[in-house]
Amino acid sequence: MNTEIQKALEVLRRSGLILYPTDTVWGIGCDATDPVAVAKVYALKNREDSKSLVLLASDMDMICRYIKEVPEMAIQLVEVNDKPMTIIYPGAVAGEKGSEKASRHCLAYNTVAEDGTVGIRIPMMDFCRELVAKLGRPIVSTSANISGEKTPAKFAEIADEIKTGVDYIVDPSLEKGATGQSSSIIKVGLDYSIEIIRK
């Protein structure tokens, strides 16, 4: 696993894309603070960049660095959660729109929704958590499919177009333990509001 992490890190650090297993489904990933890399993800998926992307963080401390004020409700949800859950946070710390410069202190502007929110998940898989922790900043985790097509649950279901469009493919044997289903999505607000987007 350590060798796979090192190879993936090398690609992520040079604005490349990886295809990797997560605790849910296979994902296309890149450094979430690098707008150039993020633009490549949208192009590969043939998806409009007006839509936001799900990100992975290693822990709540990392999330707090990229969200202006983390709602107390979100912290409570993470503490009691026992299955893959993406939380949509308000007030993302994002770079200037249109900028091509990466900054590890803020998320790429093109990962964030127009209302300033961003979806982040702490993965329940050692490989993903260690990869993100060693990179030191969040990574993109969008499903490994062309926009509008079926989300592949297993590596064997991923289209060749996606496989040839990335710079590195993580060893498929690491997909063991993945649920094969997308995570739940919950939107939280600073006013203690909570909205279930996807169960």
C-alpha atoms as a PDB file:
ATOM      1  CA  MET A   1       0.000   0.000   0.000  1.00  0.00           C
ATOM      2  CA  ASN A   2       2.841   2.423   0.801  1.00  0.00           C
ATOM      3  CA  THR A   3       4.277   2.051  -2.700  1.00  0.00           C
ATOM      4  CA  GLU A   4       0.894   2.881  -4.227  1.00  0.00           C
ATOM      5  CA  ILE A   5       0.583   5.933  -2.001  1.00  0.00           C
ATOM      6  CA  GLN A   6       4.018   7.197  -3.039  1.00  0.00           C
ATOM      7  CA  LYS A   7       3.288   6.733  -6.743  1.00  0.00           C
ATOM      8  CA  ALA A   8      -0.070   8.500  -6.402  1.00  0.00           C
ATOM      9  CA  LEU A   9       1.516  11.376  -4.466  1.00  0.00           C
ATOM     10  CA  GLU A  10       4.077  11.956  -7.216  1.00  0.00           C
ATOM     11  CA  VAL A  11       1.254  12.385  -9.743  1.00  0.00           C
ATOM     12  CA  LEU A  12      -0.886  14.576  -7.485  1.00  0.00           C
ATOM     13  CA  ARG A  13       2.044  16.917  -6.791  1.00  0.00           C
ATOM     14  CA  ARG A  14       2.585  17.599 -10.482  1.00  0.00           C
ATOM     15  CA  SER A  15      -1.060  18.525 -11.278  1.00  0.00           C
ATOM     16  CA  GLY A  16      -1.845  15.010 -12.501  1.00  0.00           C
ATOM     17  CA  LEU A  17      -4.955  12.850 -12.204  1.00  0.00           C
ATOM     18  CA  ILE A  18      -5.250   9.506 -10.456  1.00  0.00           C
ATOM     19  CA  LEU A  19      -7.866   6.778 -10.673  1.00  0.00           C
ATOM     20  CA  TYR A  20      -8.247   5.267  -7.230  1.00  0.00           C
ATOM     21  CA  PRO A  21     -10.523   3.196  -4.993  1.00  0.00           C
ATOM     22  CA  THR A  22     -12.321   4.959  -2.150  1.00  0.00           C
ATOM     23  CA  ASP A  23     -14.505   3.679   0.676  1.00  0.00           C
ATOM     24  CA  THR A  24     -17.486   4.016  -1.681  1.00  0.00           C
ATOM     25  CA  VAL A  25     -16.821   3.802  -5.432  1.00  0.00           C
ATOM     26  CA  TRP A  26     -13.793   4.385  -7.670  1.00  0.00           C
ATOM     27  CA  GLY A  27     -12.841   8.017  -7.951  1.00  0.00           C
ATOM     28  CA  ILE A  28     -10.953  10.380 -10.213  1.00  0.00           C
ATOM     29  CA  GLY A  29      -8.669  12.414  -7.999  1.00  0.00           C
ATOM     30  CA  CYS A  30      -6.372  15.401  -8.006  1.00  0.00           C
ATOM     31  CA  ASP A  31      -4.995  17.986  -5.598  1.00  0.00           C
ATOM     32  CA  ALA A  32      -8.081  19.973  -4.572  1.00  0.00           C
ATOM     33  CA  THR A  33      -6.030  23.153  -4.153  1.00  0.00           C
ATOM     34  CA  ASP A  34      -4.794  23.069  -7.771  1.00  0.00           C
ATOM     35  CA  PRO A  35      -7.267  24.700 -10.214  1.00  0.00           C
ATOM     36  CA  VAL A  36      -5.381  23.461 -13.283  1.00  0.00           C
ATOM     37  CA  ALA A  37      -5.639  19.847 -12.113  1.00  0.00           C
ATOM     38  CA  VAL A  38      -9.305  20.310 -11.196  1.00  0.00           C
ATOM     39  CA  ALA A  39     -10.036  21.642 -14.702  1.00  0.00           C
ATOM     40  CA  LYS A  40      -8.580  18.411 -16.107  1.00  0.00           C
ATOM     41  CA  VAL A  41     -11.071  16.411 -14.020  1.00  0.00           C
ATOM     42  CA  TYR A  42     -14.028  18.345 -15.455  1.00  0.00           C
ATOM     43  CA  ALA A  43     -12.676  17.883 -18.984  1.00  0.00           C
ATOM     44  CA  LEU A  44     -12.204  14.126 -18.522  1.00  0.00           C
ATOM     45  CA  LYS A  45     -15.728  13.697 -17.139  1.00  0.00           C
ATOM     46  CA  ASN A  46     -17.175  16.013 -19.803  1.00  0.00           C
ATOM     47  CA  ARG A  47     -18.861  17.884 -16.971  1.00  0.00           C
ATOM     48  CA  GLU A  48     -19.685  21.558 -16.538  1.00  0.00           C
ATOM     49  CA  ASP A  49     -17.322  23.296 -14.127  1.00  0.00           C
ATOM     50  CA  SER A  50     -20.246  25.217 -12.634  1.00  0.00           C
ATOM     51  CA  LYS A  51     -20.954  22.085 -10.578  1.00  0.00           C
ATOM     52  CA  SER A  52     -18.956  21.438  -7.419  1.00  0.00           C
ATOM     53  CA  LEU A  53     -16.905  18.326  -6.633  1.00  0.00           C
ATOM     54  CA  VAL A  54     -16.725  16.075  -3.585  1.00  0.00           C
ATOM     55  CA  LEU A  55     -13.407  16.244  -1.740  1.00  0.00           C
ATOM     56  CA  LEU A  56     -11.696  13.899   0.702  1.00  0.00           C
ATOM     57  CA  ALA A  57      -9.991  15.132   3.875  1.00  0.00           C
ATOM     58  CA  SER A  58      -7.921  13.060   6.285  1.00  0.00           C
ATOM     59  CA  ASP A  59      -9.584  14.395   9.444  1.00  0.00           C
ATOM     60  CA  MET A  60     -11.630  17.219  10.926  1.00  0.00           C
ATOM     61  CA  ASP A  61      -8.509  19.317  11.521  1.00  0.00           C
ATOM     62  CA  MET A  62      -7.897  19.402   7.768  1.00  0.00           C
ATOM     63  CA  ILE A  63     -11.526  20.328   7.085  1.00  0.00           C
ATOM     64  CA  CYS A  64     -11.269  23.225   9.557  1.00  0.00           C
ATOM     65  CA  ARG A  65      -8.364  24.699   7.560  1.00  0.00           C
ATOM     66  CA  TYR A  66     -10.522  25.037   4.437  1.00  0.00           C
ATOM     67  CA  ILE A  67     -13.888  26.059   5.934  1.00  0.00           C
ATOM     68  CA  LYS A  68     -14.268  29.547   7.426  1.00  0.00           C
ATOM     69  CA  GLU A  69     -16.489  28.340  10.263  1.00  0.00           C
ATOM     70  CA  VAL A  70     -17.350  24.677  10.690  1.00  0.00           C
ATOM     71  CA  PRO A  71     -20.929  24.212  11.965  1.00  0.00           C
ATOM     72  CA  GLU A  72     -21.109  22.452  15.327  1.00  0.00           C
ATOM     73  CA  MET A  73     -23.699  20.106  13.805  1.00  0.00           C
ATOM     74  CA  ALA A  74     -21.117  18.870  11.282  1.00  0.00           C
ATOM     75  CA  ILE A  75     -18.623  18.004  14.012  1.00  0.00           C
ATOM     76  CA  GLN A  76     -21.294  16.042  15.864  1.00  0.00           C
ATOM     77  CA  LEU A  77     -22.288  14.153  12.709  1.00  0.00           C
ATOM     78  CA  VAL A  78     -18.681  13.155  11.996  1.00  0.00           C
ATOM     79  CA  GLU A  79     -18.200  11.946  15.573  1.00  0.00           C
ATOM     80  CA  VAL A  80     -21.183   9.555  15.467  1.00  0.00           C
ATOM     81  CA  ASN A  81     -20.960   8.537  11.818  1.00  0.00           C
ATOM     82  CA  ASP A  82     -20.341   4.865  11.015  1.00  0.00           C
ATOM     83  CA  LYS A  83     -20.772   4.788   7.224  1.00  0.00           C
ATOM     84  CA  PRO A  84     -19.545   6.904   4.268  1.00  0.00           C
ATOM     85  CA  MET A  85     -20.999  10.393   4.590  1.00  0.00           C
ATOM     86  CA  THR A  86     -20.278  13.575   2.638  1.00  0.00           C
ATOM     87  CA  ILE A  87     -21.105  16.822   4.390  1.00  0.00           C
ATOM     88  CA  ILE A  88     -21.748  20.010   2.425  1.00  0.00           C
ATOM     89  CA  TYR A  89     -20.110  22.814   4.386  1.00  0.00           C
ATOM     90  CA  PRO A  90     -20.831  26.548   4.053  1.00  0.00           C
ATOM     91  CA  GLY A  91     -18.076  29.133   3.612  1.00  0.00           C
ATOM     92  CA  ALA A  92     -15.296  27.321   1.769  1.00  0.00           C
ATOM     93  CA  VAL A  93     -11.884  29.024   1.801  1.00  0.00           C
ATOM     94  CA  ALA A  94     -11.355  29.213  -1.960  1.00  0.00           C
ATOM     95  CA  GLY A  95      -8.917  30.810  -4.360  1.00  0.00           C
ATOM     96  CA  GLU A  96      -9.807  33.618  -6.718  1.00  0.00           C
ATOM     97  CA  LYS A  97     -12.143  32.617  -9.545  1.00  0.00           C
ATOM     98  CA  GLY A  98     -10.313  32.159 -12.828  1.00  0.00           C
ATOM     99  CA  SER A  99      -6.930  31.832 -11.147  1.00  0.00           C
ATOM    100  CA  GLU A 100      -4.624  29.077 -12.404  1.00  0.00           C
ATOM    101  CA  LYS A 101      -2.279  29.390  -9.445  1.00  0.00           C
ATOM    102  CA  ALA A 102      -2.371  26.645  -6.840  1.00  0.00           C
ATOM    103  CA  SER A 103      -2.221  27.545  -3.150  1.00  0.00           C
ATOM    104  CA  ARG A 104      -2.154  24.923  -0.462  1.00  0.00           C
ATOM    105  CA  HIS A 105      -3.892  27.416   1.855  1.00  0.00           C
ATOM    106  CA  CYS A 106      -7.175  27.495  -0.080  1.00  0.00           C
ATOM    107  CA  LEU A 107      -9.294  25.197  -2.215  1.00  0.00           C
ATOM    108  CA  ALA A 108      -9.250  25.630  -5.976  1.00  0.00           C
ATOM    109  CA  TYR A 109     -12.116  27.944  -6.909  1.00  0.00           C
ATOM    110  CA  ASN A 110     -13.477  25.307  -9.313  1.00  0.00           C
ATOM    111  CA  THR A 111     -14.099  22.761  -6.536  1.00  0.00           C
ATOM    112  CA  VAL A 112     -16.578  25.059  -4.821  1.00  0.00           C
ATOM    113  CA  ALA A 113     -20.266  25.619  -5.632  1.00  0.00           C
ATOM    114  CA  GLU A 114     -21.508  29.063  -6.641  1.00  0.00           C
ATOM    115  CA  ASP A 115     -23.005  29.578  -3.182  1.00  0.00           C
ATOM    116  CA  GLY A 116     -19.612  29.018  -1.551  1.00  0.00           C
ATOM    117  CA  THR A 117     -20.360  25.542  -0.237  1.00  0.00           C
ATOM    118  CA  VAL A 118     -18.231  22.440  -0.712  1.00  0.00           C
ATOM    119  CA  GLY A 119     -18.823  18.730  -0.073  1.00  0.00           C
ATOM    120  CA  ILE A 120     -16.136  16.969   1.979  1.00  0.00           C
ATOM    121  CA  ARG A 121     -15.882  13.410   3.294  1.00  0.00           C
ATOM    122  CA  ILE A 122     -13.441  11.797   5.707  1.00  0.00           C
ATOM    123  CA  PRO A 123     -12.991   8.381   4.046  1.00  0.00           C
ATOM    124  CA  MET A 124     -13.408   5.157   5.982  1.00  0.00           C
ATOM    125  CA  MET A 125     -10.497   3.494   4.192  1.00  0.00           C
ATOM    126  CA  ASP A 126      -6.869   3.488   5.330  1.00  0.00           C
ATOM    127  CA  PHE A 127      -5.449   3.959   1.824  1.00  0.00           C
ATOM    128  CA  CYS A 128      -7.462   7.132   1.182  1.00  0.00           C
ATOM    129  CA  ARG A 129      -6.881   8.648   4.609  1.00  0.00           C
ATOM    130  CA  GLU A 130      -3.129   8.063   4.419  1.00  0.00           C
ATOM    131  CA  LEU A 131      -2.912   9.397   0.877  1.00  0.00           C
ATOM    132  CA  VAL A 132      -4.681  12.627   1.829  1.00  0.00           C
ATOM    133  CA  ALA A 133      -2.723  12.978   5.085  1.00  0.00           C
ATOM    134  CA  LYS A 134       0.617  12.609   3.286  1.00  0.00           C
ATOM    135  CA  LEU A 135      -0.384  15.095   0.584  1.00  0.00           C
ATOM    136  CA  GLY A 136      -1.326  17.464   3.392  1.00  0.00           C
ATOM    137  CA  ARG A 137      -4.410  18.881   1.690  1.00  0.00           C
ATOM    138  CA  PRO A 138      -7.745  17.597   0.362  1.00  0.00           C
ATOM    139  CA  ILE A 139      -8.060  15.646  -2.861  1.00  0.00           C
ATOM    140  CA  VAL A 140     -10.912  15.560  -5.344  1.00  0.00           C
ATOM    141  CA  SER A 141     -13.037  12.413  -5.252  1.00  0.00           C
ATOM    142  CA  THR A 142     -15.515  12.451  -8.107  1.00  0.00           C
ATOM    143  CA  SER A 143     -16.972   9.219  -9.492  1.00  0.00           C
ATOM    144  CA  ALA A 144     -14.947   7.552 -12.245  1.00  0.00           C
ATOM    145  CA  ASN A 145     -17.431   7.976 -15.076  1.00  0.00           C
ATOM    146  CA  ILE A 146     -18.364  10.332 -17.869  1.00  0.00           C
ATOM    147  CA  SER A 147     -20.994  12.791 -16.614  1.00  0.00           C
ATOM    148  CA  GLY A 148     -24.490  11.324 -16.959  1.00  0.00           C
ATOM    149  CA  GLU A 149     -23.318   7.718 -17.260  1.00  0.00           C
ATOM    150  CA  LYS A 150     -23.640   5.005 -14.610  1.00  0.00           C
ATOM    151  CA  THR A 151     -21.275   5.222 -11.648  1.00  0.00           C
ATOM    152  CA  PRO A 152     -18.944   2.183 -11.702  1.00  0.00           C
ATOM    153  CA  ALA A 153     -18.992   0.220  -8.452  1.00  0.00           C
ATOM    154  CA  LYS A 154     -15.880  -1.823  -9.317  1.00  0.00           C
ATOM    155  CA  PHE A 155     -12.716  -1.247 -11.328  1.00  0.00           C
ATOM    156  CA  ALA A 156     -13.870  -3.660 -14.032  1.00  0.00           C
ATOM    157  CA  GLU A 157     -16.849  -1.394 -14.761  1.00  0.00           C
ATOM    158  CA  ILE A 158     -14.773   1.743 -15.465  1.00  0.00           C
ATOM    159  CA  ALA A 159     -14.788   2.882 -19.096  1.00  0.00           C
ATOM    160  CA  ASP A 160     -11.517   2.743 -21.043  1.00  0.00           C
ATOM    161  CA  GLU A 161     -11.918   6.454 -21.793  1.00  0.00           C
ATOM    162  CA  ILE A 162     -11.514   7.189 -18.086  1.00  0.00           C
ATOM    163  CA  LYS A 163      -8.643   4.733 -17.597  1.00  0.00           C
ATOM    164  CA  THR A 164      -6.625   6.231 -20.447  1.00  0.00           C
ATOM    165  CA  GLY A 165      -7.460   9.785 -19.391  1.00  0.00           C
ATOM    166  CA  VAL A 166      -5.643   9.693 -16.040  1.00  0.00           C
ATOM    167  CA  ASP A 167      -1.935   9.760 -15.247  1.00  0.00           C
ATOM    168  CA  TYR A 168      -1.894   6.891 -12.759  1.00  0.00           C
ATOM    169  CA  ILE A 169      -4.181   3.993 -11.839  1.00  0.00           C
ATOM    170  CA  VAL A 170      -3.915   2.717  -8.277  1.00  0.00           C
ATOM    171  CA  ASP A 171      -3.668  -1.065  -7.846  1.00  0.00           C
ATOM    172  CA  PRO A 172      -7.254  -2.399  -8.250  1.00  0.00           C
ATOM    173  CA  SER A 173      -6.703  -4.950  -5.463  1.00  0.00           C
ATOM    174  CA  LEU A 174      -7.018  -2.070  -2.985  1.00  0.00           C
ATOM    175  CA  GLU A 175     -10.729  -1.747  -3.771  1.00  0.00           C
ATOM    176  CA  LYS A 176     -11.469  -4.465  -1.205  1.00  0.00           C
ATOM    177  CA  GLY A 177     -13.645  -3.056   1.539  1.00  0.00           C
ATOM    178  CA  ALA A 178     -15.330  -0.431  -0.628  1.00  0.00           C
ATOM    179  CA  THR A 179     -19.111  -0.346  -0.378  1.00  0.00           C
ATOM    180  CA  GLY A 180     -19.633   0.028  -4.142  1.00  0.00           C
ATOM    181  CA  GLN A 181     -22.300   2.638  -3.386  1.00  0.00           C
ATOM    182  CA  SER A 182     -22.135   6.420  -3.301  1.00  0.00           C
ATOM    183  CA  SER A 183     -22.024   8.089   0.122  1.00  0.00           C
ATOM    184  CA  SER A 184     -24.913   9.809   1.808  1.00  0.00           C
ATOM    185  CA  ILE A 185     -24.855  13.613   1.403  1.00  0.00           C
ATOM    186  CA  ILE A 186     -25.945  15.971   4.171  1.00  0.00           C
ATOM    187  CA  LYS A 187     -25.945  19.774   3.966  1.00  0.00           C
ATOM    188  CA  VAL A 188     -25.419  21.657   7.212  1.00  0.00           C
ATOM    189  CA  GLY A 189     -25.651  25.343   8.091  1.00  0.00           C
ATOM    190  CA  LEU A 190     -24.306  27.622  10.792  1.00  0.00           C
ATOM    191  CA  ASP A 191     -27.911  28.092  11.941  1.00  0.00           C
ATOM    192  CA  TYR A 192     -28.092  24.384  12.893  1.00  0.00           C
ATOM    193  CA  SER A 193     -30.084  23.631   9.752  1.00  0.00           C
ATOM    194  CA  ILE A 194     -29.641  20.192   8.233  1.00  0.00           C
ATOM    195  CA  GLU A 195     -30.795  18.874   4.885  1.00  0.00           C
ATOM    196  CA  ILE A 196     -30.449  15.309   3.634  1.00  0.00           C
ATOM    197  CA  ILE A 197     -29.503  15.526  -0.051  1.00  0.00           C
ATOM    198  CA  ARG A 198     -28.907  11.806  -0.590  1.00  0.00           C
ATOM    199  CA  LYS A 199     -29.553   8.944   1.858  1.00  0.00           C
END
